[in-house]
Amino acid sequence: MRISTSMIYDKGVNSLQQQWGDLLKTQQQLSTGRRVLTPAEDPIAAARALEVGQSKGVNTQFMTNIGYADDAMKMFESTLTGVGDILHYSRERAVQAGNGAMTQTDLNYIASDMKSQFEALVALANTKDGMGDYLFAGYRAQTQPYTGNLAGISYEGDQGERTIQVSASRYMPVSLPGSEVFDRTLAIDEQSVLLYGNADNGGSETLAVSAVDPLAARQATRYQISYSQPDPALPGTYSIERLGQDSKDVPWTDAELEQMWPATPPATGFVVPDGYTLSADRKTITYTPDPTAAPPLPYQISVDGLTIALPSDPEPVPLDAPQEARTVKDEVADGDRFEIFVPSTNLLNNVAMFAGALERPGASGVNGVVAFALQTMDAGQENVLKVRAQIGSQMTETQNLANLGSDLNLQYAEVISGLMDVDYVEAISRLTQQQTYLQAAQQSFMKVSNMSLFNYI
């Protein structure tokens, strides 16, 4: 094989460039800390590192979402704690109102305090988060969920729960509809509708709520029922009036009367049934049960979805004897008064109703008001505690997910490091070796390039 001078120079330059290239690659590995600088150097490791890196990125986003969810849960917990504190304080004030030494002036002071607590509860129900979204509005995050006043509160949100993904298979709720906290505190049924008689009633029996239609019942309403029977030998008459949650008189509307006493089709409107009469201002309904009517009128009143059983009240014996001397006593006496409390499923309305009833106690006096307040506030407190338990469970879950996410990130980082990171000890040794190779190549090239006959001419 013939070796030319140009070949010697070409081979020498190529060798030097190769040595410089190897040295540069090792230097880049040391400076970046990466063994694989391009996918071509190790396609399998590069592909695996890309896959693990994507998983790590998704896990990092989940951890960010977990932080958002945890912040939301903490705001819920703080808000619900405030609601519970107000209900606890209101219950204490209700017990205080039951003290027999309280005058009406004292009750008015407590009522004013309860109105302030009502406003505080409404403010908590309309709490916003750091993004300006309402906590208890459901999907309608930009709509104020609760509007109204002491005369009535209405819910403007929906039943949705906004969620955020905190793991591959878990969507964490970060909002609650107000109905879950404030609107479903109790059911409207025979147990929740309370009936009380006046302390001065002379009859031996009382009324009873025998059936409740929860769809037709008018929530947050008090009914005042009085009995009139001037002649104990004749049927007596029951008068019914109703008060709203602000304790103002509430007349019956056409729509309510049509629902309660619908006319027979094709006629429209309403027809007052036998035994009932309606006052001109529609504030009073009277009912006279008459066993001599054909057919006999039943001893019960049906009004606003409530069926109220009445004492049969037979003729007393002897007729002219006082109540305590009769062998057959008056079951209900002339002037007897009763009061029915129909609560609201919404605890805000119940607090407002408590305040109004303190200012204007009905036939049952303060005792009925206090019993109503204790029942509804206990139900509201129980519901708040149930929701707080749910929030606490979610906070525990977010903490566990955060710990798991941190562990996963460490595992992903270890896998990527094993695939991509350089071994500094090996790389430094190799760099030293390559420097030696480069120096040898440079020296040998200098020797070869100096081998010329021109040096001897």
Protein backbone atom coordinates (compact mmCIF):
# COMPACT_ATOMS: atom_id res chain seq x y z
CA MET A 1 0.00 0.00 0.00
CA ARG A 2 1.34 3.40 -0.98
CA ILE A 3 1.20 6.11 1.72
CA SER A 4 1.10 9.64 0.44
CA THR A 5 1.89 12.80 2.37
CA SER A 6 -1.67 14.05 1.98
CA MET A 7 -3.01 10.80 3.42
CA ILE A 8 -0.78 11.20 6.46
CA TYR A 9 -2.14 14.69 7.05
CA ASP A 10 -5.78 13.63 6.47
CA LYS A 11 -5.53 10.68 8.82
CA GLY A 12 -3.85 12.79 11.46
CA VAL A 13 -6.46 15.53 11.29
CA ASN A 14 -9.32 12.98 11.43
CA SER A 15 -7.77 11.31 14.44
CA LEU A 16 -7.37 14.60 16.23
CA GLN A 17 -10.96 15.59 15.45
CA GLN A 18 -12.22 12.24 16.70
CA GLN A 19 -10.29 12.67 19.95
CA TRP A 20 -11.57 16.21 20.35
CA GLY A 21 -15.14 14.99 19.67
CA ASP A 22 -14.92 12.30 22.33
CA LEU A 23 -13.40 14.77 24.77
CA LEU A 24 -16.13 17.34 24.04
CA LYS A 25 -18.89 14.77 24.55
CA THR A 26 -17.48 13.72 27.92
CA GLN A 27 -17.08 17.36 28.92
CA GLN A 28 -20.76 18.02 28.01
CA GLN A 29 -21.85 15.00 30.03
CA LEU A 30 -19.98 16.34 33.04
CA SER A 31 -21.32 19.86 32.63
CA THR A 32 -24.98 18.79 32.14
CA GLY A 33 -24.96 15.79 34.45
CA ARG A 34 -26.61 13.75 31.70
CA ARG A 35 -25.26 10.52 30.26
CA VAL A 36 -27.63 10.57 27.26
CA LEU A 37 -27.31 13.87 25.46
CA THR A 38 -29.36 12.94 22.41
CA PRO A 39 -31.89 10.11 21.86
CA ALA A 40 -29.57 8.61 19.23
CA GLU A 41 -27.00 7.76 21.90
CA ASP A 42 -29.40 5.40 23.76
CA PRO A 43 -32.86 5.22 22.11
CA ILE A 44 -34.32 2.80 24.66
CA ALA A 45 -33.21 4.84 27.69
CA ALA A 46 -34.36 8.08 26.05
CA ALA A 47 -37.81 6.67 25.25
CA ARG A 48 -38.23 5.27 28.75
CA ALA A 49 -37.06 8.54 30.34
CA LEU A 50 -39.58 10.48 28.21
CA GLU A 51 -42.39 8.19 29.33
CA VAL A 52 -41.44 8.46 33.00
CA GLY A 53 -40.97 12.22 32.67
CA GLN A 54 -44.49 12.59 31.29
CA SER A 55 -45.84 10.56 34.22
CA LYS A 56 -43.89 12.77 36.59
CA GLY A 57 -45.33 15.90 34.97
CA VAL A 58 -48.88 14.57 35.33
CA ASN A 59 -48.21 13.67 38.96
CA THR A 60 -46.84 17.17 39.60
CA GLN A 61 -50.05 18.67 38.19
CA PHE A 62 -52.10 16.38 40.41
CA MET A 63 -50.14 17.63 43.42
CA THR A 64 -50.91 21.21 42.40
CA ASN A 65 -54.60 20.28 42.12
CA ILE A 66 -54.44 18.61 45.54
CA GLY A 67 -53.17 21.90 46.95
CA TYR A 68 -56.13 23.74 45.42
CA ALA A 69 -58.56 21.13 46.79
CA ASP A 70 -57.00 21.27 50.25
CA ASP A 71 -57.29 25.07 50.31
CA ALA A 72 -60.97 24.79 49.33
CA MET A 73 -61.61 22.20 52.05
CA LYS A 74 -59.98 24.43 54.65
CA MET A 75 -62.22 27.34 53.62
CA PHE A 76 -65.27 25.07 53.85
CA GLU A 77 -64.19 23.91 57.30
CA SER A 78 -63.69 27.49 58.48
CA THR A 79 -67.08 28.59 57.13
CA LEU A 80 -68.94 25.63 58.59
CA THR A 81 -67.26 26.21 61.94
CA GLY A 82 -68.66 29.74 61.88
CA VAL A 83 -72.16 28.43 61.05
CA GLY A 84 -71.96 25.92 63.90
CA ASP A 85 -70.84 28.60 66.34
CA ILE A 86 -73.79 30.82 65.42
CA LEU A 87 -76.26 27.96 65.81
CA HIS A 88 -74.77 27.04 69.18
CA TYR A 89 -75.05 30.65 70.36
CA SER A 90 -78.62 30.91 69.03
CA ARG A 91 -79.58 27.75 70.89
CA GLU A 92 -78.23 29.23 74.11
CA ARG A 93 -80.32 32.35 73.53
CA ALA A 94 -83.39 30.17 72.92
CA VAL A 95 -82.88 28.44 76.26
CA GLN A 96 -82.44 31.85 77.89
CA ALA A 97 -85.71 33.04 76.33
CA GLY A 98 -87.50 30.14 78.03
CA ASN A 99 -86.76 31.62 81.44
CA GLY A 100 -90.12 32.48 82.99
CA ALA A 101 -88.71 35.73 84.40
CA MET A 102 -88.27 37.16 80.90
CA THR A 103 -90.53 40.10 80.02
CA GLN A 104 -91.66 40.89 76.50
CA THR A 105 -89.07 43.67 76.43
CA ASP A 106 -86.36 41.12 77.22
CA LEU A 107 -87.68 38.85 74.46
CA ASN A 108 -87.55 41.76 72.01
CA TYR A 109 -83.87 42.24 72.85
CA ILE A 110 -83.19 38.57 72.16
CA ALA A 111 -85.18 38.86 68.92
CA SER A 112 -82.96 41.77 67.81
CA ASP A 113 -79.90 39.67 68.58
CA MET A 114 -81.32 36.76 66.56
CA LYS A 115 -81.91 39.06 63.61
CA SER A 116 -78.21 39.95 63.70
CA GLN A 117 -77.29 36.27 63.87
CA PHE A 118 -79.56 35.66 60.90
CA GLU A 119 -77.68 38.26 58.87
CA ALA A 120 -74.39 36.67 59.91
CA LEU A 121 -75.61 33.25 58.75
CA VAL A 122 -76.69 34.66 55.39
CA ALA A 123 -73.25 36.25 54.98
CA LEU A 124 -71.58 32.89 55.65
CA ALA A 125 -73.95 31.17 53.21
CA ASN A 126 -72.79 33.68 50.57
CA THR A 127 -69.06 33.19 51.25
CA LYS A 128 -66.66 33.55 48.30
CA ASP A 129 -63.35 31.79 47.78
CA GLY A 130 -60.07 33.38 46.73
CA MET A 131 -61.12 33.32 43.06
CA GLY A 132 -64.32 35.22 43.75
CA ASP A 133 -66.57 32.15 43.33
CA TYR A 134 -69.40 31.46 45.76
CA LEU A 135 -68.75 28.34 47.83
CA PHE A 136 -72.36 27.23 48.09
CA ALA A 137 -73.74 28.09 44.65
CA GLY A 138 -73.04 24.78 42.92
CA TYR A 139 -72.12 25.21 39.27
CA ARG A 140 -73.49 28.77 39.30
CA ALA A 141 -70.33 30.01 40.96
CA GLN A 142 -70.83 33.65 39.94
CA THR A 143 -74.42 33.83 41.24
CA GLN A 144 -75.10 34.81 44.84
CA PRO A 145 -76.73 31.67 46.25
CA TYR A 146 -78.95 33.17 48.96
CA THR A 147 -81.11 36.24 48.55
CA GLY A 148 -83.93 37.65 50.64
CA ASN A 149 -84.48 38.91 54.15
CA LEU A 150 -86.30 38.05 57.37
CA ALA A 151 -89.53 37.58 55.42
CA GLY A 152 -88.01 34.74 53.40
CA ILE A 153 -84.76 33.41 51.95
CA SER A 154 -84.49 31.78 48.53
CA TYR A 155 -81.71 29.73 46.96
CA GLU A 156 -80.48 30.90 43.54
CA GLY A 157 -77.75 28.30 43.01
CA ASP A 158 -78.08 24.79 41.62
CA GLN A 159 -77.36 21.28 42.88
CA GLY A 160 -73.99 20.83 41.16
CA GLU A 161 -70.65 20.05 42.80
CA ARG A 162 -67.57 21.51 41.13
CA THR A 163 -64.71 19.02 41.18
CA ILE A 164 -60.98 18.95 40.46
CA GLN A 165 -58.98 15.88 39.43
CA VAL A 166 -56.49 14.93 42.14
CA SER A 167 -55.47 11.51 40.83
CA ALA A 168 -55.93 9.37 37.76
CA SER A 169 -59.25 8.08 39.08
CA ARG A 170 -60.37 10.62 41.73
CA TYR A 171 -62.27 13.85 41.22
CA MET A 172 -62.44 15.80 44.47
CA PRO A 173 -65.46 18.09 45.11
CA VAL A 174 -64.29 21.66 45.75
CA SER A 175 -67.74 23.21 46.17
CA LEU A 176 -71.06 22.25 47.74
CA PRO A 177 -74.59 23.26 46.82
CA GLY A 178 -76.16 25.27 49.60
CA SER A 179 -78.99 22.74 49.79
CA GLU A 180 -76.56 20.22 51.30
CA VAL A 181 -75.71 22.57 54.17
CA PHE A 182 -78.61 24.95 54.75
CA ASP A 183 -81.68 23.57 52.93
CA ARG A 184 -82.03 19.92 53.98
CA THR A 185 -81.86 20.18 57.73
CA LEU A 186 -85.12 18.33 58.41
CA ALA A 187 -88.12 16.76 56.71
CA ILE A 188 -91.60 18.27 56.78
CA ASP A 189 -93.71 15.52 58.35
CA GLU A 190 -95.88 14.73 61.36
CA GLN A 191 -92.83 14.64 63.66
CA SER A 192 -91.37 18.00 62.62
CA VAL A 193 -94.69 19.91 62.62
CA LEU A 194 -95.27 20.99 66.24
CA LEU A 195 -98.65 21.70 67.85
CA TYR A 196 -99.07 23.31 71.27
CA GLY A 197 -102.06 24.39 73.33
CA ASN A 198 -102.41 27.53 75.38
CA ALA A 199 -101.60 27.15 79.05
CA ASP A 200 -105.08 28.46 79.99
CA ASN A 201 -107.08 26.04 77.81
CA GLY A 202 -110.07 24.55 79.65
CA GLY A 203 -110.65 21.46 77.50
CA SER A 204 -109.39 18.02 78.45
CA GLU A 205 -108.09 17.16 74.96
CA THR A 206 -105.96 18.91 72.36
CA LEU A 207 -105.62 18.92 68.60
CA ALA A 208 -103.23 16.66 66.70
CA VAL A 209 -101.54 16.85 63.31
CA SER A 210 -102.55 13.51 61.81
CA ALA A 211 -101.12 13.92 58.29
CA VAL A 212 -98.78 16.26 56.39
CA ASP A 213 -98.38 16.68 52.65
CA PRO A 214 -94.78 17.99 52.38
CA LEU A 215 -95.39 19.29 48.86
CA ALA A 216 -98.47 21.32 49.81
CA ALA A 217 -97.36 22.41 53.29
CA ARG A 218 -96.39 26.07 53.62
CA GLN A 219 -92.98 26.10 55.27
CA ALA A 220 -91.87 28.59 57.95
CA THR A 221 -95.46 29.34 58.93
CA ARG A 222 -97.31 29.52 62.24
CA TYR A 223 -101.03 28.74 62.46
CA GLN A 224 -103.16 30.27 65.21
CA ILE A 225 -106.27 28.16 65.93
CA SER A 226 -108.97 29.26 68.34
CA TYR A 227 -112.19 27.52 69.39
CA SER A 228 -115.48 29.28 69.99
CA GLN A 229 -118.51 27.51 71.57
CA PRO A 230 -120.79 29.92 73.46
CA ASP A 231 -123.42 27.17 73.83
CA PRO A 232 -121.91 23.82 74.92
CA ALA A 233 -124.94 22.05 73.48
CA LEU A 234 -124.18 23.27 69.95
CA PRO A 235 -121.17 22.54 67.68
CA GLY A 236 -118.28 24.92 68.19
CA THR A 237 -116.30 26.75 65.51
CA TYR A 238 -112.56 26.67 64.87
CA SER A 239 -110.88 29.79 63.45
CA ILE A 240 -107.53 29.53 61.69
CA GLU A 241 -105.11 32.33 60.95
CA ARG A 242 -101.53 32.09 59.77
CA LEU A 243 -98.37 34.10 60.37
CA GLY A 244 -95.31 34.19 58.13
CA GLN A 245 -91.79 33.66 59.38
CA ASP A 246 -91.56 37.39 60.12
CA SER A 247 -94.77 37.00 62.24
CA LYS A 248 -96.90 39.13 59.94
CA ASP A 249 -100.40 38.02 58.93
CA VAL A 250 -100.44 36.06 55.66
CA PRO A 251 -103.75 35.97 53.74
CA TRP A 252 -104.51 33.02 51.48
CA THR A 253 -103.95 33.67 47.76
CA ASP A 254 -106.09 32.50 44.84
CA ALA A 255 -103.44 29.95 43.87
CA GLU A 256 -103.31 28.51 47.39
CA LEU A 257 -107.09 28.32 47.65
CA GLU A 258 -107.34 26.63 44.24
CA GLN A 259 -104.79 24.04 45.35
CA MET A 260 -106.55 23.52 48.66
CA TRP A 261 -110.19 23.64 47.45
CA PRO A 262 -110.17 23.06 43.66
CA ALA A 263 -113.44 23.50 41.79
CA THR A 264 -114.86 20.51 39.95
CA PRO A 265 -113.90 20.63 36.24
CA PRO A 266 -114.80 22.19 33.88
CA ALA A 267 -115.27 24.92 36.47
CA THR A 268 -112.13 26.81 37.46
CA GLY A 269 -111.00 28.55 40.63
CA PHE A 270 -111.88 27.26 44.07
CA VAL A 271 -115.00 26.26 45.98
CA VAL A 272 -115.23 26.64 49.76
CA PRO A 273 -116.18 23.19 51.14
CA ASP A 274 -119.11 22.56 53.45
CA GLY A 275 -118.40 23.61 56.99
CA TYR A 276 -115.71 26.13 55.98
CA THR A 277 -115.99 29.89 55.58
CA LEU A 278 -113.40 32.39 54.34
CA SER A 279 -113.21 35.95 55.66
CA ALA A 280 -113.37 38.86 53.25
CA ASP A 281 -109.71 39.74 53.81
CA ARG A 282 -108.78 36.04 53.41
CA LYS A 283 -106.83 36.11 56.65
CA THR A 284 -109.17 33.79 58.54
CA ILE A 285 -110.69 30.40 57.76
CA THR A 286 -113.39 29.04 60.05
CA TYR A 287 -114.58 25.45 60.30
CA THR A 288 -117.58 24.02 62.13
CA PRO A 289 -117.72 20.22 62.40
CA ASP A 290 -121.39 19.15 62.49
CA PRO A 291 -122.25 15.54 63.29
CA THR A 292 -125.87 16.24 62.31
CA ALA A 293 -124.98 17.24 58.75
CA ALA A 294 -125.62 14.82 55.89
CA PRO A 295 -123.06 13.41 55.49
CA PRO A 296 -121.56 14.36 58.89
CA LEU A 297 -118.68 16.80 58.67
CA PRO A 298 -115.50 15.13 59.89
CA TYR A 299 -113.76 16.19 63.08
CA GLN A 300 -110.69 17.36 61.21
CA ILE A 301 -109.43 20.45 59.42
CA SER A 302 -107.56 20.29 56.12
CA VAL A 303 -105.55 23.40 55.33
CA ASP A 304 -102.28 23.98 53.40
CA GLY A 305 -101.45 20.28 53.24
CA LEU A 306 -102.03 19.77 56.98
CA THR A 307 -104.69 17.43 58.31
CA ILE A 308 -105.55 18.39 61.89
CA ALA A 309 -107.56 15.94 63.99
CA LEU A 310 -110.11 17.63 66.28
CA PRO A 311 -111.56 16.42 69.56
CA SER A 312 -115.00 14.83 69.01
CA ASP A 313 -116.25 16.93 71.97
CA PRO A 314 -119.45 15.17 73.05
CA GLU A 315 -122.07 17.15 74.94
CA PRO A 316 -120.86 17.51 78.55
CA VAL A 317 -122.78 15.83 81.37
CA PRO A 318 -124.26 17.46 83.29
CA LEU A 319 -124.48 20.34 80.84
CA ASP A 320 -124.54 23.16 83.37
CA ALA A 321 -121.95 21.76 85.78
CA PRO A 322 -118.39 23.12 85.96
CA GLN A 323 -115.72 21.20 84.05
CA GLU A 324 -114.23 19.48 87.09
CA ALA A 325 -117.70 18.25 88.26
CA ARG A 326 -118.82 16.71 84.96
CA THR A 327 -118.82 12.99 84.29
CA VAL A 328 -118.43 13.71 80.55
CA LYS A 329 -116.05 16.62 80.29
CA ASP A 330 -115.51 19.22 77.57
CA GLU A 331 -112.73 17.90 75.29
CA VAL A 332 -112.28 21.43 73.96
CA ALA A 333 -113.73 24.48 75.66
CA ASP A 334 -114.87 27.88 74.51
CA GLY A 335 -111.85 30.17 74.13
CA ASP A 336 -109.25 27.40 73.84
CA ARG A 337 -106.35 28.35 71.63
CA PHE A 338 -103.69 26.32 69.85
CA GLU A 339 -100.62 27.03 67.75
CA ILE A 340 -98.96 25.00 65.00
CA PHE A 341 -95.35 25.52 63.95
CA VAL A 342 -94.49 24.34 60.43
CA PRO A 343 -90.70 24.64 60.13
CA SER A 344 -88.68 25.23 57.01
CA THR A 345 -86.19 22.77 55.63
CA ASN A 346 -83.88 25.81 55.43
CA LEU A 347 -82.17 26.66 58.72
CA LEU A 348 -81.84 30.35 57.72
CA ASN A 349 -85.62 30.68 57.53
CA ASN A 350 -85.99 28.89 60.86
CA VAL A 351 -83.66 31.36 62.59
CA ALA A 352 -85.66 34.24 61.09
CA MET A 353 -88.91 32.61 62.23
CA PHE A 354 -87.54 32.25 65.76
CA ALA A 355 -86.71 35.95 65.86
CA GLY A 356 -90.16 36.92 64.58
CA ALA A 357 -91.96 34.58 66.99
CA LEU A 358 -90.12 36.11 69.97
CA GLU A 359 -91.46 39.54 69.01
CA ARG A 360 -94.99 38.21 68.56
CA PRO A 361 -95.60 35.04 70.57
CA GLY A 362 -98.72 33.13 69.58
CA ALA A 363 -101.21 30.93 71.42
CA SER A 364 -98.50 28.66 72.82
CA GLY A 365 -96.57 31.56 74.29
CA VAL A 366 -92.80 31.52 74.66
CA ASN A 367 -92.74 27.78 75.41
CA GLY A 368 -93.82 26.89 71.89
CA VAL A 369 -91.31 29.33 70.40
CA VAL A 370 -88.46 27.86 72.44
CA ALA A 371 -89.42 24.28 71.56
CA PHE A 372 -89.52 25.19 67.88
CA ALA A 373 -86.12 26.90 68.10
CA LEU A 374 -84.47 23.97 69.87
CA GLN A 375 -85.86 21.46 67.38
CA THR A 376 -84.84 23.36 64.27
CA MET A 377 -81.44 24.50 65.54
CA ASP A 378 -80.53 21.01 66.69
CA ALA A 379 -81.49 19.69 63.26
CA GLY A 380 -79.43 22.40 61.57
CA GLN A 381 -76.44 21.75 63.83
CA GLU A 382 -76.63 18.02 63.13
CA ASN A 383 -76.65 18.63 59.39
CA VAL A 384 -73.68 21.01 59.65
CA LEU A 385 -71.75 18.42 61.66
CA LYS A 386 -72.53 15.80 59.01
CA VAL A 387 -71.15 18.04 56.26
CA ARG A 388 -68.10 18.88 58.39
CA ALA A 389 -67.44 15.16 58.80
CA GLN A 390 -67.51 14.81 55.02
CA ILE A 391 -65.13 17.76 54.62
CA GLY A 392 -62.81 16.32 57.26
CA SER A 393 -62.71 13.01 55.42
CA GLN A 394 -61.82 14.80 52.20
CA MET A 395 -59.06 16.78 53.95
CA THR A 396 -57.59 13.50 55.21
CA GLU A 397 -57.79 12.12 51.70
CA THR A 398 -56.02 15.14 50.20
CA GLN A 399 -53.23 14.79 52.77
CA ASN A 400 -52.81 11.11 51.92
CA LEU A 401 -52.83 11.89 48.21
CA ALA A 402 -50.24 14.63 48.71
CA ASN A 403 -47.95 12.20 50.56
CA LEU A 404 -48.43 9.59 47.85
CA GLY A 405 -47.70 12.17 45.14
CA SER A 406 -44.45 13.18 46.85
CA ASP A 407 -43.36 9.55 47.04
CA LEU A 408 -44.20 9.03 43.38
CA ASN A 409 -42.20 12.09 42.37
CA LEU A 410 -39.18 10.71 44.20
CA GLN A 411 -39.59 7.35 42.49
CA TYR A 412 -39.94 8.96 39.07
CA ALA A 413 -36.85 11.09 39.72
CA GLU A 414 -34.84 8.00 40.70
CA VAL A 415 -35.88 6.14 37.55
CA ILE A 416 -35.00 9.08 35.30
CA SER A 417 -31.71 9.53 37.12
CA GLY A 418 -30.81 5.88 36.59
CA LEU A 419 -31.60 6.16 32.91
CA MET A 420 -30.15 9.55 32.06
CA ASP A 421 -27.68 10.77 34.72
CA VAL A 422 -23.94 10.47 34.22
CA ASP A 423 -21.62 8.50 36.49
CA TYR A 424 -19.20 11.25 37.50
CA VAL A 425 -16.44 8.91 38.67
CA GLU A 426 -16.49 6.99 35.39
CA ALA A 427 -16.85 10.14 33.30
CA ILE A 428 -13.93 11.95 35.02
CA SER A 429 -11.72 8.90 34.58
CA ARG A 430 -12.72 8.71 30.94
CA LEU A 431 -12.06 12.44 30.47
CA THR A 432 -8.54 12.02 31.88
CA GLN A 433 -7.94 9.07 29.58
CA GLN A 434 -9.24 10.97 26.56
CA GLN A 435 -6.98 13.91 27.41
CA THR A 436 -4.04 11.50 27.41
CA TYR A 437 -5.14 10.04 24.07
CA LEU A 438 -5.49 13.52 22.59
CA GLN A 439 -2.06 14.59 23.81
CA ALA A 440 -0.50 11.40 22.38
CA ALA A 441 -2.26 11.99 19.08
CA GLN A 442 -1.02 15.58 18.97
CA GLN A 443 2.56 14.60 19.77
CA SER A 444 2.61 11.76 17.25
CA PHE A 445 1.17 14.02 14.57
CA MET A 446 3.87 16.58 15.24
CA LYS A 447 6.56 13.90 14.89
CA VAL A 448 5.12 12.50 11.68
CA SER A 449 4.55 15.93 10.15
CA ASN A 450 8.23 16.82 10.81
CA MET A 451 9.49 13.78 8.87
CA SER A 452 10.50 15.57 5.65
CA LEU A 453 13.62 15.50 3.41
CA PHE A 454 13.41 19.25 3.27
CA ASN A 455 14.79 19.34 6.78
CA TYR A 456 18.07 17.90 5.43
CA ILE A 457 18.51 20.01 2.34
